Amino acid sequence: MRAVEFQTRIDDGKIKIPDEYLHEISSDVKIIILYENSTAVSKKNTLSKSVKGIINQHANPDLMPIEKEAWGEAVKEKHVAN
């Protein structure tokens, strides 16, 4: 069995196989359909934006300048012996 991969659209319930593969197919085929559900994608993007907005309201602008080094400093404090 040989596998090929290509992208196409379903038109009126029919899947068009590219001409370059048609000469090789002479019997039964196994078709696996992968698709994106555009509704699910848009809900995910909406959720991400709303979570970002919720978190943003708790931001402290006074701490933002030191935020870049905060992780490194916390690790040093925890693991470096005095």
PDB file of N, CA and C in Angstrom:
ATOM      1  N   MET A   1       0.848  -1.174   0.000  1.00  0.00           N
ATOM      2  CA  MET A   1       0.000   0.000   0.000  1.00  0.00           C
ATOM      3  C   MET A   1       0.892   1.235   0.000  1.00  0.00           C
ATOM      4  N   ARG A   2       0.540   2.216  -0.794  1.00  0.00           N
ATOM      5  CA  ARG A   2       1.269   3.469  -0.895  1.00  0.00           C
ATOM      6  C   ARG A   2       0.402   4.592  -0.337  1.00  0.00           C
ATOM      7  N   ALA A   3       1.014   5.561   0.298  1.00  0.00           N
ATOM      8  CA  ALA A   3       0.271   6.697   0.839  1.00  0.00           C
ATOM      9  C   ALA A   3       0.697   7.965   0.113  1.00  0.00           C
ATOM     10  N   VAL A   4      -0.262   8.820  -0.178  1.00  0.00           N
ATOM     11  CA  VAL A   4       0.013  10.136  -0.756  1.00  0.00           C
ATOM     12  C   VAL A   4      -0.752  11.163   0.061  1.00  0.00           C
ATOM     13  N   GLU A   5      -0.272  12.378   0.024  1.00  0.00           N
ATOM     14  CA  GLU A   5      -0.932  13.445   0.760  1.00  0.00           C
ATOM     15  C   GLU A   5      -1.109  14.636  -0.162  1.00  0.00           C
ATOM     16  N   PHE A   6      -2.311  15.203  -0.149  1.00  0.00           N
ATOM     17  CA  PHE A   6      -2.582  16.407  -0.924  1.00  0.00           C
ATOM     18  C   PHE A   6      -3.757  17.119  -0.291  1.00  0.00           C
ATOM     19  N   GLN A   7      -3.904  18.395  -0.607  1.00  0.00           N
ATOM     20  CA  GLN A   7      -5.036  19.161  -0.114  1.00  0.00           C
ATOM     21  C   GLN A   7      -5.990  19.423  -1.260  1.00  0.00           C
ATOM     22  N   THR A   8      -7.259  19.325  -0.961  1.00  0.00           N
ATOM     23  CA  THR A   8      -8.284  19.579  -1.966  1.00  0.00           C
ATOM     24  C   THR A   8      -9.556  20.004  -1.262  1.00  0.00           C
ATOM     25  N   ARG A   9     -10.522  20.394  -2.017  1.00  0.00           N
ATOM     26  CA  ARG A   9     -11.833  20.752  -1.469  1.00  0.00           C
ATOM     27  C   ARG A   9     -12.852  19.696  -1.886  1.00  0.00           C
ATOM     28  N   ILE A  10     -13.870  19.567  -1.076  1.00  0.00           N
ATOM     29  CA  ILE A  10     -14.975  18.687  -1.436  1.00  0.00           C
ATOM     30  C   ILE A  10     -15.983  19.549  -2.192  1.00  0.00           C
ATOM     31  N   ASP A  11     -16.281  19.161  -3.420  1.00  0.00           N
ATOM     32  CA  ASP A  11     -17.204  19.917  -4.260  1.00  0.00           C
ATOM     33  C   ASP A  11     -18.410  19.040  -4.565  1.00  0.00           C
ATOM     34  N   ASP A  12     -19.551  19.423  -4.047  1.00  0.00           N
ATOM     35  CA  ASP A  12     -20.794  18.686  -4.272  1.00  0.00           C
ATOM     36  C   ASP A  12     -20.653  17.222  -3.826  1.00  0.00           C
ATOM     37  N   GLY A  13     -19.963  17.021  -2.690  1.00  0.00           N
ATOM     38  CA  GLY A  13     -19.796  15.683  -2.145  1.00  0.00           C
ATOM     39  C   GLY A  13     -18.732  14.839  -2.826  1.00  0.00           C
ATOM     40  N   LYS A  14     -17.945  15.425  -3.719  1.00  0.00           N
ATOM     41  CA  LYS A  14     -16.919  14.672  -4.455  1.00  0.00           C
ATOM     42  C   LYS A  14     -15.540  15.215  -4.118  1.00  0.00           C
ATOM     43  N   ILE A  15     -14.591  14.289  -3.953  1.00  0.00           N
ATOM     44  CA  ILE A  15     -13.203  14.654  -3.692  1.00  0.00           C
ATOM     45  C   ILE A  15     -12.423  14.496  -4.982  1.00  0.00           C
ATOM     46  N   LYS A  16     -11.786  15.563  -5.431  1.00  0.00           N
ATOM     47  CA  LYS A  16     -10.995  15.496  -6.663  1.00  0.00           C
ATOM     48  C   LYS A  16      -9.591  15.016  -6.332  1.00  0.00           C
ATOM     49  N   ILE A  17      -9.193  13.926  -6.964  1.00  0.00           N
ATOM     50  CA  ILE A  17      -7.843  13.397  -6.813  1.00  0.00           C
ATOM     51  C   ILE A  17      -6.979  14.033  -7.894  1.00  0.00           C
ATOM     52  N   PRO A  18      -5.827  14.589  -7.514  1.00  0.00           N
ATOM     53  CA  PRO A  18      -4.961  15.214  -8.519  1.00  0.00           C
ATOM     54  C   PRO A  18      -4.569  14.222  -9.616  1.00  0.00           C
ATOM     55  N   ASP A  19      -4.475  14.729 -10.841  1.00  0.00           N
ATOM     56  CA  ASP A  19      -4.170  13.890 -12.006  1.00  0.00           C
ATOM     57  C   ASP A  19      -2.883  13.089 -11.836  1.00  0.00           C
ATOM     58  N   GLU A  20      -1.914  13.628 -11.119  1.00  0.00           N
ATOM     59  CA  GLU A  20      -0.634  12.935 -10.975  1.00  0.00           C
ATOM     60  C   GLU A  20      -0.749  11.601 -10.233  1.00  0.00           C
ATOM     61  N   TYR A  21      -1.843  11.388  -9.482  1.00  0.00           N
ATOM     62  CA  TYR A  21      -2.027  10.138  -8.749  1.00  0.00           C
ATOM     63  C   TYR A  21      -3.026   9.208  -9.432  1.00  0.00           C
ATOM     64  N   LEU A  22      -3.848   9.732 -10.321  1.00  0.00           N
ATOM     65  CA  LEU A  22      -4.908   8.932 -10.933  1.00  0.00           C
ATOM     66  C   LEU A  22      -4.384   7.703 -11.674  1.00  0.00           C
ATOM     67  N   HIS A  23      -3.250   7.808 -12.342  1.00  0.00           N
ATOM     68  CA  HIS A  23      -2.727   6.677 -13.113  1.00  0.00           C
ATOM     69  C   HIS A  23      -2.273   5.525 -12.218  1.00  0.00           C
ATOM     70  N   GLU A  24      -1.985   5.806 -10.935  1.00  0.00           N
ATOM     71  CA  GLU A  24      -1.518   4.775 -10.013  1.00  0.00           C
ATOM     72  C   GLU A  24      -2.664   4.028  -9.326  1.00  0.00           C
ATOM     73  N   ILE A  25      -3.828   4.636  -9.275  1.00  0.00           N
ATOM     74  CA  ILE A  25      -4.939   4.046  -8.520  1.00  0.00           C
ATOM     75  C   ILE A  25      -5.759   3.150  -9.438  1.00  0.00           C
ATOM     76  N   SER A  26      -5.793   1.850  -9.076  1.00  0.00           N
ATOM     77  CA  SER A  26      -6.540   0.927  -9.920  1.00  0.00           C
ATOM     78  C   SER A  26      -7.488   0.046  -9.109  1.00  0.00           C
ATOM     79  N   SER A  27      -7.526   0.240  -7.796  1.00  0.00           N
ATOM     80  CA  SER A  27      -8.407  -0.588  -6.977  1.00  0.00           C
ATOM     81  C   SER A  27      -8.949   0.228  -5.811  1.00  0.00           C
ATOM     82  N   ASP A  28      -9.292  -0.452  -4.741  1.00  0.00           N
ATOM     83  CA  ASP A  28      -9.854   0.227  -3.570  1.00  0.00           C
ATOM     84  C   ASP A  28      -8.832   1.165  -2.935  1.00  0.00           C
ATOM     85  N   VAL A  29      -9.321   2.199  -2.327  1.00  0.00           N
ATOM     86  CA  VAL A  29      -8.474   3.155  -1.617  1.00  0.00           C
ATOM     87  C   VAL A  29      -9.012   3.353  -0.211  1.00  0.00           C
ATOM     88  N   LYS A  30      -8.156   3.797   0.667  1.00  0.00           N
ATOM     89  CA  LYS A  30      -8.547   4.141   2.024  1.00  0.00           C
ATOM     90  C   LYS A  30      -8.389   5.650   2.147  1.00  0.00           C
ATOM     91  N   ILE A  31      -9.431   6.332   2.563  1.00  0.00           N
ATOM     92  CA  ILE A  31      -9.402   7.792   2.649  1.00  0.00           C
ATOM     93  C   ILE A  31      -9.546   8.216   4.104  1.00  0.00           C
ATOM     94  N   ILE A  32      -8.639   9.058   4.544  1.00  0.00           N
ATOM     95  CA  ILE A  32      -8.700   9.652   5.878  1.00  0.00           C
ATOM     96  C   ILE A  32      -8.891  11.147   5.668  1.00  0.00           C
ATOM     97  N   ILE A  33      -9.923  11.708   6.255  1.00  0.00           N
ATOM     98  CA  ILE A  33     -10.225  13.124   6.056  1.00  0.00           C
ATOM     99  C   ILE A  33      -9.851  13.903   7.309  1.00  0.00           C
ATOM    100  N   LEU A  34      -8.990  14.896   7.146  1.00  0.00           N
ATOM    101  CA  LEU A  34      -8.609  15.812   8.213  1.00  0.00           C
ATOM    102  C   LEU A  34      -9.169  17.179   7.841  1.00  0.00           C
ATOM    103  N   TYR A  35      -9.821  17.824   8.774  1.00  0.00           N
ATOM    104  CA  TYR A  35     -10.392  19.130   8.456  1.00  0.00           C
ATOM    105  C   TYR A  35     -10.377  20.024   9.675  1.00  0.00           C
ATOM    106  N   GLU A  36     -10.426  21.319   9.428  1.00  0.00           N
ATOM    107  CA  GLU A  36     -10.522  22.303  10.495  1.00  0.00           C
ATOM    108  C   GLU A  36     -11.967  22.730  10.618  1.00  0.00           C
ATOM    109  N   ASN A  37     -12.423  22.774  11.830  1.00  0.00           N
ATOM    110  CA  ASN A  37     -13.760  23.274  12.094  1.00  0.00           C
ATOM    111  C   ASN A  37     -13.617  24.763  12.374  1.00  0.00           C
ATOM    112  N   SER A  38     -14.015  25.593  11.440  1.00  0.00           N
ATOM    113  CA  SER A  38     -13.801  27.037  11.568  1.00  0.00           C
ATOM    114  C   SER A  38     -14.508  27.608  12.784  1.00  0.00           C
ATOM    115  N   THR A  39     -15.616  27.020  13.222  1.00  0.00           N
ATOM    116  CA  THR A  39     -16.323  27.495  14.413  1.00  0.00           C
ATOM    117  C   THR A  39     -15.464  27.285  15.651  1.00  0.00           C
ATOM    118  N   ALA A  40     -14.839  26.118  15.759  1.00  0.00           N
ATOM    119  CA  ALA A  40     -13.991  25.827  16.919  1.00  0.00           C
ATOM    120  C   ALA A  40     -12.785  26.751  16.946  1.00  0.00           C
ATOM    121  N   VAL A  41     -12.199  27.038  15.792  1.00  0.00           N
ATOM    122  CA  VAL A  41     -11.036  27.911  15.735  1.00  0.00           C
ATOM    123  C   VAL A  41     -11.407  29.304  16.207  1.00  0.00           C
ATOM    124  N   SER A  42     -12.534  29.839  15.766  1.00  0.00           N
ATOM    125  CA  SER A  42     -12.900  31.195  16.161  1.00  0.00           C
ATOM    126  C   SER A  42     -13.236  31.259  17.643  1.00  0.00           C
ATOM    127  N   LYS A  43     -13.839  30.216  18.216  1.00  0.00           N
ATOM    128  CA  LYS A  43     -14.118  30.210  19.646  1.00  0.00           C
ATOM    129  C   LYS A  43     -12.820  30.211  20.434  1.00  0.00           C
ATOM    130  N   LYS A  44     -11.817  29.467  19.970  1.00  0.00           N
ATOM    131  CA  LYS A  44     -10.526  29.420  20.651  1.00  0.00           C
ATOM    132  C   LYS A  44      -9.890  30.807  20.656  1.00  0.00           C
ATOM    133  N   ASN A  45      -9.907  31.506  19.525  1.00  0.00           N
ATOM    134  CA  ASN A  45      -9.318  32.840  19.450  1.00  0.00           C
ATOM    135  C   ASN A  45     -10.049  33.812  20.365  1.00  0.00           C
ATOM    136  N   THR A  46     -11.353  33.712  20.436  1.00  0.00           N
ATOM    137  CA  THR A  46     -12.137  34.577  21.305  1.00  0.00           C
ATOM    138  C   THR A  46     -11.785  34.319  22.757  1.00  0.00           C
ATOM    139  N   LEU A  47     -11.650  33.048  23.117  1.00  0.00           N
ATOM    140  CA  LEU A  47     -11.301  32.698  24.488  1.00  0.00           C
ATOM    141  C   LEU A  47      -9.929  33.251  24.844  1.00  0.00           C
ATOM    142  N   SER A  48      -8.959  33.103  23.960  1.00  0.00           N
ATOM    143  CA  SER A  48      -7.612  33.600  24.231  1.00  0.00           C
ATOM    144  C   SER A  48      -7.628  35.102  24.474  1.00  0.00           C
ATOM    145  N   LYS A  49      -8.360  35.830  23.674  1.00  0.00           N
ATOM    146  CA  LYS A  49      -8.414  37.276  23.833  1.00  0.00           C
ATOM    147  C   LYS A  49      -9.085  37.658  25.139  1.00  0.00           C
ATOM    148  N   SER A  50     -10.150  36.957  25.521  1.00  0.00           N
ATOM    149  CA  SER A  50     -10.842  37.319  26.742  1.00  0.00           C
ATOM    150  C   SER A  50     -10.005  36.983  27.971  1.00  0.00           C
ATOM    151  N   VAL A  51      -9.261  35.885  27.945  1.00  0.00           N
ATOM    152  CA  VAL A  51      -8.387  35.538  29.063  1.00  0.00           C
ATOM    153  C   VAL A  51      -7.281  36.579  29.188  1.00  0.00           C
ATOM    154  N   LYS A  52      -6.725  36.985  28.060  1.00  0.00           N
ATOM    155  CA  LYS A  52      -5.688  38.016  28.081  1.00  0.00           C
ATOM    156  C   LYS A  52      -6.232  39.298  28.706  1.00  0.00           C
ATOM    157  N   GLY A  53      -7.439  39.643  28.358  1.00  0.00           N
ATOM    158  CA  GLY A  53      -8.054  40.844  28.919  1.00  0.00           C
ATOM    159  C   GLY A  53      -8.272  40.741  30.414  1.00  0.00           C
ATOM    160  N   ILE A  54      -8.677  39.571  30.879  1.00  0.00           N
ATOM    161  CA  ILE A  54      -8.905  39.361  32.308  1.00  0.00           C
ATOM    162  C   ILE A  54      -7.589  39.480  33.073  1.00  0.00           C
ATOM    163  N   ILE A  55      -6.547  38.862  32.553  1.00  0.00           N
ATOM    164  CA  ILE A  55      -5.249  38.911  33.219  1.00  0.00           C
ATOM    165  C   ILE A  55      -4.682  40.325  33.186  1.00  0.00           C
ATOM    166  N   ASN A  56      -4.865  41.018  32.081  1.00  0.00           N
ATOM    167  CA  ASN A  56      -4.317  42.359  31.917  1.00  0.00           C
ATOM    168  C   ASN A  56      -4.853  43.325  32.970  1.00  0.00           C
ATOM    169  N   GLN A  57      -6.061  43.146  33.425  1.00  0.00           N
ATOM    170  CA  GLN A  57      -6.620  44.072  34.404  1.00  0.00           C
ATOM    171  C   GLN A  57      -5.923  43.966  35.768  1.00  0.00           C
ATOM    172  N   HIS A  58      -5.172  42.880  35.979  1.00  0.00           N
ATOM    173  CA  HIS A  58      -4.439  42.703  37.236  1.00  0.00           C
ATOM    174  C   HIS A  58      -2.969  43.105  37.115  1.00  0.00           C
ATOM    175  N   ALA A  59      -2.567  43.601  35.974  1.00  0.00           N
ATOM    176  CA  ALA A  59      -1.173  43.980  35.749  1.00  0.00           C
ATOM    177  C   ALA A  59      -0.795  45.170  36.630  1.00  0.00           C
ATOM    178  N   ASN A  60       0.432  45.149  37.099  1.00  0.00           N
ATOM    179  CA  ASN A  60       0.949  46.248  37.900  1.00  0.00           C
ATOM    180  C   ASN A  60       2.022  46.971  37.083  1.00  0.00           C
ATOM    181  N   PRO A  61       1.713  48.128  36.528  1.00  0.00           N
ATOM    182  CA  PRO A  61       2.664  48.845  35.674  1.00  0.00           C
ATOM    183  C   PRO A  61       3.977  49.187  36.390  1.00  0.00           C
ATOM    184  N   ASP A  62       3.951  49.329  37.704  1.00  0.00           N
ATOM    185  CA  ASP A  62       5.166  49.666  38.444  1.00  0.00           C
ATOM    186  C   ASP A  62       6.168  48.513  38.449  1.00  0.00           C
ATOM    187  N   LEU A  63       5.675  47.271  38.303  1.00  0.00           N
ATOM    188  CA  LEU A  63       6.567  46.112  38.335  1.00  0.00           C
ATOM    189  C   LEU A  63       7.065  45.694  36.951  1.00  0.00           C
ATOM    190  N   MET A  64       6.495  46.226  35.910  1.00  0.00           N
ATOM    191  CA  MET A  64       6.862  45.814  34.552  1.00  0.00           C
ATOM    192  C   MET A  64       8.341  46.024  34.216  1.00  0.00           C
ATOM    193  N   PRO A  65       8.987  47.104  34.645  1.00  0.00           N
ATOM    194  CA  PRO A  65      10.412  47.278  34.317  1.00  0.00           C
ATOM    195  C   PRO A  65      11.310  46.169  34.889  1.00  0.00           C
ATOM    196  N   ILE A  66      10.955  45.605  36.046  1.00  0.00           N
ATOM    197  CA  ILE A  66      11.804  44.572  36.648  1.00  0.00           C
ATOM    198  C   ILE A  66      11.344  43.152  36.297  1.00  0.00           C
ATOM    199  N   GLU A  67      10.268  43.065  35.550  1.00  0.00           N
ATOM    200  CA  GLU A  67       9.700  41.749  35.221  1.00  0.00           C
ATOM    201  C   GLU A  67      10.663  40.878  34.411  1.00  0.00           C
ATOM    202  N   LYS A  68      11.454  41.478  33.541  1.00  0.00           N
ATOM    203  CA  LYS A  68      12.353  40.740  32.664  1.00  0.00           C
ATOM    204  C   LYS A  68      13.361  39.911  33.465  1.00  0.00           C
ATOM    205  N   GLU A  69      13.821  40.431  34.574  1.00  0.00           N
ATOM    206  CA  GLU A  69      14.831  39.751  35.390  1.00  0.00           C
ATOM    207  C   GLU A  69      14.219  38.973  36.555  1.00  0.00           C
ATOM    208  N   ALA A  70      12.931  39.023  36.746  1.00  0.00           N
ATOM    209  CA  ALA A  70      12.302  38.437  37.932  1.00  0.00           C
ATOM    210  C   ALA A  70      12.551  36.938  38.062  1.00  0.00           C
ATOM    211  N   TRP A  71      12.426  36.191  36.977  1.00  0.00           N
ATOM    212  CA  TRP A  71      12.607  34.738  37.058  1.00  0.00           C
ATOM    213  C   TRP A  71      14.030  34.390  37.484  1.00  0.00           C
ATOM    214  N   GLY A  72      15.000  34.992  36.854  1.00  0.00           N
ATOM    215  CA  GLY A  72      16.394  34.725  37.197  1.00  0.00           C
ATOM    216  C   GLY A  72      16.707  35.072  38.644  1.00  0.00           C
ATOM    217  N   GLU A  73      16.194  36.179  39.107  1.00  0.00           N
ATOM    218  CA  GLU A  73      16.422  36.586  40.492  1.00  0.00           C
ATOM    219  C   GLU A  73      15.763  35.617  41.467  1.00  0.00           C
ATOM    220  N   ALA A  74      14.578  35.159  41.155  1.00  0.00           N
ATOM    221  CA  ALA A  74      13.883  34.205  42.040  1.00  0.00           C
ATOM    222  C   ALA A  74      14.651  32.895  42.119  1.00  0.00           C
ATOM    223  N   VAL A  75      15.197  32.426  41.004  1.00  0.00           N
ATOM    224  CA  VAL A  75      15.979  31.184  41.001  1.00  0.00           C
ATOM    225  C   VAL A  75      17.246  31.367  41.826  1.00  0.00           C
ATOM    226  N   LYS A  76      17.907  32.507  41.677  1.00  0.00           N
ATOM    227  CA  LYS A  76      19.122  32.770  42.461  1.00  0.00           C
ATOM    228  C   LYS A  76      18.806  32.754  43.952  1.00  0.00           C
ATOM    229  N   GLU A  77      17.737  33.432  44.343  1.00  0.00           N
ATOM    230  CA  GLU A  77      17.375  33.494  45.755  1.00  0.00           C
ATOM    231  C   GLU A  77      17.090  32.112  46.318  1.00  0.00           C
ATOM    232  N   LYS A  78      16.486  31.266  45.530  1.00  0.00           N
ATOM    233  CA  LYS A  78      16.095  29.955  46.013  1.00  0.00           C
ATOM    234  C   LYS A  78      17.280  28.979  46.056  1.00  0.00           C
ATOM    235  N   HIS A  79      18.167  29.040  45.075  1.00  0.00           N
ATOM    236  CA  HIS A  79      19.176  27.997  44.922  1.00  0.00           C
ATOM    237  C   HIS A  79      20.616  28.385  45.236  1.00  0.00           C
ATOM    238  N   VAL A  80      20.914  29.651  45.337  1.00  0.00           N
ATOM    239  CA  VAL A  80      22.291  30.070  45.593  1.00  0.00           C
ATOM    240  C   VAL A  80      22.498  30.168  47.094  1.00  0.00           C
ATOM    241  N   ALA A  81      23.526  29.461  47.583  1.00  0.00           N
ATOM    242  CA  ALA A  81      23.837  29.510  49.011  1.00  0.00           C
ATOM    243  C   ALA A  81      24.553  30.804  49.348  1.00  0.00           C
ATOM    244  N   ASN A  82      24.251  31.348  50.485  1.00  0.00           N
ATOM    245  CA  ASN A  82      24.898  32.600  50.931  1.00  0.00           C
ATOM    246  C   ASN A  82      26.241  32.325  51.527  1.00  0.00           C
TER     247      ASN A  82
END
